[in-house]
Protein backbone atom coordinates (compact mmCIF):
# COMPACT_ATOMS: atom_id res chain seq x y z
CA UNK A 1 13.82 28.47 29.18
CA UNK A 2 16.14 25.80 27.82
CA UNK A 3 13.51 23.10 28.46
CA UNK A 4 10.89 25.17 26.65
CA UNK A 5 13.05 25.50 23.51
CA UNK A 6 13.83 21.77 23.55
CA UNK A 7 10.14 20.93 23.91
CA UNK A 8 9.26 23.16 20.93
CA UNK A 9 12.02 21.54 18.84
CA UNK A 10 10.71 18.02 19.52
CA UNK A 11 7.12 19.09 18.86
CA UNK A 12 8.14 20.48 15.48
CA UNK A 13 10.10 17.35 14.62
CA UNK A 14 7.11 15.13 15.41
CA UNK A 15 4.80 17.36 13.37
CA UNK A 16 7.01 17.30 10.28
CA UNK A 17 7.03 13.53 9.81
CA UNK A 18 7.43 12.16 6.31
CA UNK A 19 5.52 9.45 4.51
CA UNK A 20 3.72 6.48 5.97
CA UNK A 21 5.90 4.18 8.06
CA UNK A 22 4.39 0.92 6.87
CA UNK A 23 6.67 -1.28 4.83
CA UNK A 24 6.29 -4.14 2.43
CA UNK A 25 5.71 -6.63 5.25
CA UNK A 26 2.46 -4.92 6.29
CA UNK A 27 1.37 -4.59 2.65
CA UNK A 28 2.12 -8.28 2.04
CA UNK A 29 0.01 -9.26 5.09
CA UNK A 30 -3.00 -7.29 3.78
CA UNK A 31 -2.61 -8.81 0.31
CA UNK A 32 -2.47 -12.36 1.67
CA UNK A 33 -5.50 -11.66 3.88
CA UNK A 34 -7.39 -10.65 0.69
CA UNK A 35 -6.48 -13.91 -1.11
CA UNK A 36 -3.70 -12.39 -3.22
CA UNK A 37 -0.25 -14.00 -2.98
CA UNK A 38 1.96 -11.01 -3.91
CA UNK A 39 4.25 -11.23 -6.91
CA UNK A 40 5.37 -7.59 -7.07
CA UNK A 41 4.85 -4.64 -4.68
CA UNK A 42 5.44 -1.08 -5.87
CA UNK A 43 4.58 2.43 -4.66
CA UNK A 44 1.59 3.75 -6.62
CA UNK A 45 1.06 7.11 -4.88
CA UNK A 46 2.74 8.83 -1.94
CA UNK A 47 1.67 11.85 0.09
CA UNK A 48 4.14 13.49 2.44
CA UNK A 49 3.44 15.64 5.47
CA UNK A 50 1.73 15.36 8.81
CA UNK A 51 -0.95 12.97 7.51
CA UNK A 52 1.36 10.93 5.28
CA UNK A 53 -0.34 8.30 3.16
CA UNK A 54 1.19 5.75 0.80
CA UNK A 55 -0.74 3.69 -1.75
CA UNK A 56 0.91 0.49 -2.97
CA UNK A 57 0.04 -1.53 -6.08
CA UNK A 58 0.37 -5.28 -5.49
CA UNK A 59 0.42 -7.68 -8.44
CA UNK A 60 -1.03 -11.04 -7.48
CA UNK A 61 0.15 -14.49 -8.47
CA UNK A 62 -2.93 -15.86 -10.19
CA UNK A 63 -3.42 -19.60 -10.83
CA UNK A 64 -3.61 -20.84 -14.40
CA UNK A 65 -7.14 -21.41 -15.64
CA UNK A 66 -8.14 -24.22 -17.97
CA UNK A 67 -10.76 -23.66 -20.63
CA UNK A 68 -11.81 -20.99 -23.07
CA UNK A 69 -10.29 -17.69 -22.00
CA UNK A 70 -12.46 -15.63 -24.36
CA UNK A 71 -15.82 -16.49 -22.81
CA UNK A 72 -15.18 -15.50 -19.21
CA UNK A 73 -14.25 -12.16 -17.71
CA UNK A 74 -10.71 -11.85 -16.46
CA UNK A 75 -10.52 -11.75 -12.65
CA UNK A 76 -8.74 -8.82 -10.96
CA UNK A 77 -5.04 -9.48 -10.59
CA UNK A 78 -3.92 -6.27 -8.85
CA UNK A 79 -4.75 -4.73 -5.47
CA UNK A 80 -4.37 -1.13 -4.34
CA UNK A 81 -3.47 -0.99 -0.64
CA UNK A 82 -3.43 2.25 1.33
CA UNK A 83 -1.14 2.70 4.35
CA UNK A 84 -1.38 5.50 6.88
CA UNK A 85 1.44 5.40 9.45
CA UNK A 86 1.78 1.65 10.02
CA UNK A 87 -1.86 0.64 9.37
CA UNK A 88 -2.72 -0.73 5.94
CA UNK A 89 -6.10 -1.44 4.31
CA UNK A 90 -7.18 -2.56 0.85
CA UNK A 91 -8.67 0.19 -1.33
CA UNK A 92 -9.83 -1.81 -4.36
CA UNK A 93 -8.92 -4.57 -6.78
CA UNK A 94 -8.35 -3.95 -10.46
CA UNK A 95 -7.34 -5.75 -13.62
CA UNK A 96 -3.93 -4.75 -14.88
CA UNK A 97 -3.69 -4.28 -18.65
CA UNK A 98 -1.04 -6.47 -20.28
CA UNK A 99 0.63 -4.72 -23.20
């Protein structure tokens, strides 16, 4: 009986896990693999629970461009990276508005 109660306790503890376990190191690796040297990493969205998911916004260090800046479209300088447990993958790239 004691073993049964202990087993139920551990099963409940494993089922009530929090957010994704991936940290900034995993996010940085995905950003570098997608040709984005990270300048700033911040949490964009976080879901708690059994299927915890964390979305990070990574600002990239973009090289300076020479020439007319008005004629060309601005390249994306931000990545959204989704992490579930300790596995991370890029969702999309976007251009961050400078205000």
